[in-house]
Protein backbone atom coordinates (compact mmCIF):
# COMPACT_ATOMS: atom_id res chain seq x y z
CA MET A 1 12.02 -18.62 120.33
CA SER A 2 11.45 -17.90 116.68
CA ARG A 3 12.69 -14.76 114.93
CA ASN A 4 9.19 -13.33 114.79
CA SER A 5 8.64 -13.60 118.54
CA LYS A 6 11.33 -11.10 119.55
CA SER A 7 10.05 -8.95 122.33
CA PRO A 8 11.33 -5.44 122.96
CA ILE A 9 13.35 -4.58 126.03
CA ASP A 10 12.88 -1.57 128.30
CA LEU A 11 16.11 0.39 128.71
CA PRO A 12 16.74 3.00 131.37
CA GLU A 13 17.19 6.54 130.00
CA ASP A 14 20.71 6.69 131.36
CA PHE A 15 21.72 3.33 129.84
CA HIS A 16 24.83 4.85 128.25
CA LEU A 17 26.00 5.92 131.75
CA LEU A 18 25.70 2.45 133.28
CA PRO A 19 28.83 0.47 134.13
CA PHE A 20 29.65 -2.32 131.72
CA GLU A 21 28.50 -5.04 134.15
CA GLU A 22 24.97 -3.55 134.10
CA LYS A 23 24.99 -3.07 130.33
CA ALA A 24 26.11 -6.68 129.94
CA LYS A 25 22.84 -7.87 131.52
CA TYR A 26 20.85 -6.06 128.83
CA ILE A 27 23.14 -7.40 126.11
CA VAL A 28 22.65 -10.97 127.31
CA GLU A 29 18.90 -10.46 127.60
CA LEU A 30 18.64 -9.29 123.97
CA ARG A 31 20.70 -12.25 122.81
CA ARG A 32 18.41 -14.57 124.80
CA ARG A 33 15.51 -13.05 122.89
CA SER A 34 17.26 -14.09 119.64
CA TYR A 35 18.43 -10.62 118.62
CA THR A 36 21.47 -10.76 116.35
CA TYR A 37 24.76 -9.12 117.20
CA ARG A 38 24.00 -6.33 114.75
CA GLU A 39 20.52 -5.74 116.18
CA THR A 40 21.87 -5.81 119.74
CA ALA A 41 24.71 -3.44 118.86
CA LYS A 42 22.31 -1.06 117.14
CA ILE A 43 19.71 -1.03 119.90
CA LEU A 44 22.20 -0.65 122.77
CA HIS A 45 24.87 1.35 120.91
CA VAL A 46 27.58 -1.13 121.88
CA SER A 47 30.32 -2.86 119.90
CA PHE A 48 30.48 -6.49 118.86
CA ARG A 49 33.43 -6.81 121.25
CA ASP A 50 31.20 -5.62 124.11
CA ILE A 51 28.58 -8.22 123.13
CA ASN A 52 31.19 -11.00 123.12
CA MET A 53 32.53 -9.89 126.50
CA ALA A 54 29.02 -9.80 128.01
CA ILE A 55 28.23 -13.29 126.72
CA LYS A 56 31.51 -14.62 128.14
CA MET A 57 30.85 -12.79 131.42
CA TYR A 58 27.26 -13.98 131.94
CA GLY A 59 27.01 -16.75 129.38
CA LEU A 60 24.04 -18.03 127.44
CA GLU A 61 24.45 -21.72 128.29
CA HIS A 62 21.03 -22.10 129.91
CA VAL A 63 19.22 -20.73 126.85
CA HIS A 64 17.97 -23.73 124.92
CA HIS A 65 17.98 -23.55 121.16
CA SER A 66 17.66 -26.27 118.66
CA GLY A 67 20.84 -27.14 116.80
CA PHE A 68 19.46 -25.40 113.72
CA GLU A 69 18.65 -22.21 115.64
CA LYS A 70 22.13 -22.19 117.18
CA LEU A 71 23.68 -22.66 113.76
CA ARG A 72 21.47 -19.99 112.22
CA GLY A 73 22.36 -17.61 115.05
CA ARG A 74 26.06 -18.33 114.57
CA VAL A 75 25.77 -17.75 110.82
CA GLU A 76 23.96 -14.47 111.50
CA ASP A 77 26.68 -13.46 113.96
CA ILE A 78 29.38 -14.28 111.43
CA ASP A 79 27.42 -12.41 108.77
CA ASP A 80 27.14 -9.42 111.10
CA SER A 81 30.86 -9.56 111.85
CA LEU A 82 31.58 -9.78 108.14
CA ALA A 83 29.28 -6.85 107.40
CA GLU A 84 31.05 -4.81 110.08
CA ALA A 85 34.46 -5.78 108.64
CA ILE A 86 33.32 -4.79 105.15
CA GLU A 87 32.05 -1.48 106.50
CA ASP A 88 35.38 -0.92 108.28
CA ILE A 89 37.28 -1.72 105.08
CA SER A 90 35.09 0.71 103.18
CA LYS A 91 35.79 3.42 105.76
CA LEU A 92 39.51 2.65 105.57
CA ARG A 93 39.41 2.88 101.77
CA ASP A 94 37.67 6.24 102.03
CA ARG A 95 40.26 7.38 104.56
CA LEU A 96 43.07 6.12 102.32
CA GLY A 97 41.60 8.00 99.36
CA TYR A 98 41.39 11.14 101.48
CA LEU A 99 44.99 10.72 102.66
CA GLU A 100 46.18 10.19 99.08
CA LYS A 101 44.51 13.47 98.10
CA VAL A 102 46.14 15.23 101.06
CA VAL A 103 49.55 13.86 100.04
CA GLU A 104 48.99 15.04 96.45
CA ALA A 105 47.99 18.49 97.70
CA LEU A 106 51.03 18.70 99.95
CA ALA A 107 53.31 17.60 97.11
CA SER A 108 51.78 20.30 94.93
CA ILE A 109 52.28 22.90 97.65
CA ILE A 110 55.90 21.85 98.12
CA LYS A 111 56.48 22.02 94.37
CA GLY A 112 54.89 25.47 94.33
CA TYR A 113 57.17 26.63 97.14
CA GLU A 114 60.20 25.25 95.34
CA GLU A 115 59.15 26.96 92.10
CA ALA A 116 58.40 30.18 93.98
CA ARG A 117 61.84 30.11 95.60
CA LEU A 118 63.41 29.50 92.18
CA ARG A 119 61.36 32.29 90.64
CA SER A 120 62.34 34.56 93.46
CA ARG A 121 66.02 33.71 92.99
CA ILE A 122 65.72 34.19 89.21
CA GLU A 123 64.09 37.59 89.76
CA GLU A 124 66.86 38.51 92.19
CA ILE A 125 69.56 37.50 89.69
CA SER A 126 67.71 39.32 86.90
CA MET A 127 67.72 42.49 88.98
CA GLN A 128 71.45 42.06 89.61
CA VAL A 129 72.04 41.56 85.87
CA GLU A 130 70.07 44.73 85.13
CA VAL A 131 72.15 46.67 87.67
CA LEU A 132 75.32 45.32 86.03
CA ARG A 133 74.02 46.31 82.57
CA GLU A 134 73.36 49.84 83.82
CA GLU A 135 76.83 49.94 85.30
CA ALA A 136 78.29 48.68 82.00
CA ARG A 137 76.37 51.37 80.07
CA SER A 138 77.65 53.95 82.50
CA LEU A 139 81.21 52.67 82.07
CA HIS A 140 80.82 52.74 78.28
CA ALA A 141 79.68 56.37 78.48
CA ILE A 142 82.63 57.22 80.72
CA SER A 143 84.97 55.30 78.44
CA ALA A 144 83.59 57.12 75.40
CA ARG A 145 84.08 60.45 77.20
CA HIS A 146 87.61 59.48 78.15
CA SER A 147 88.35 58.35 74.60
CA LYS A 148 87.11 61.71 73.32
CA GLU A 149 89.13 63.56 75.95
CA GLU A 150 92.17 61.44 75.08
CA ALA A 151 91.68 62.16 71.39
CA ASP A 152 91.29 65.85 72.19
CA MET A 153 94.47 65.77 74.29
CA HIS A 154 96.36 64.02 71.47
CA GLU A 155 95.13 66.65 69.08
CA GLU A 156 96.14 69.39 71.50
CA LEU A 157 99.52 67.72 71.99
CA ARG A 158 100.06 67.51 68.24
CA ARG A 159 99.21 71.19 67.83
CA LEU A 160 101.53 72.12 70.65
CA SER A 161 104.25 69.90 69.18
CA SER A 162 103.85 71.49 65.78
CA ARG A 163 104.05 74.98 67.33
CA ILE A 164 107.16 74.01 69.20
CA ASP A 165 108.69 72.68 66.01
CA THR A 166 107.94 75.86 64.17
């Protein structure tokens, strides 16, 4: 069969519900009609692995192709497999890029939490320092009062001493 003589295949509506053994018959039939792996996979919504398993299960030995057609089919299959691998690599690169962004975001969040904890601790210490400053001011005021009272007492004591002496 030439590439232009591919004939369509009638699929049951519930094809996706069929057991693999039944699906394999449709897979083999499409391959017999010279559909590539990619075309078969797209039409039947199956994987390349499923196609390989179906061919091994039911075989395509009795389909006669010229050596060139077999080679061309094999090259197409390899090309399809390569295209799928390239697509998978592209998806993996996209996924890796996404994961790298997630890691960066998480690192930023962690850094933010660390900074927030430090800021919180700094604010807590600053409040304690302010309380200590207030206490120091209060003690200075008390000390100044005591110094004045002491000076007044010394003055009173001097006056009393001078009265006693006189």
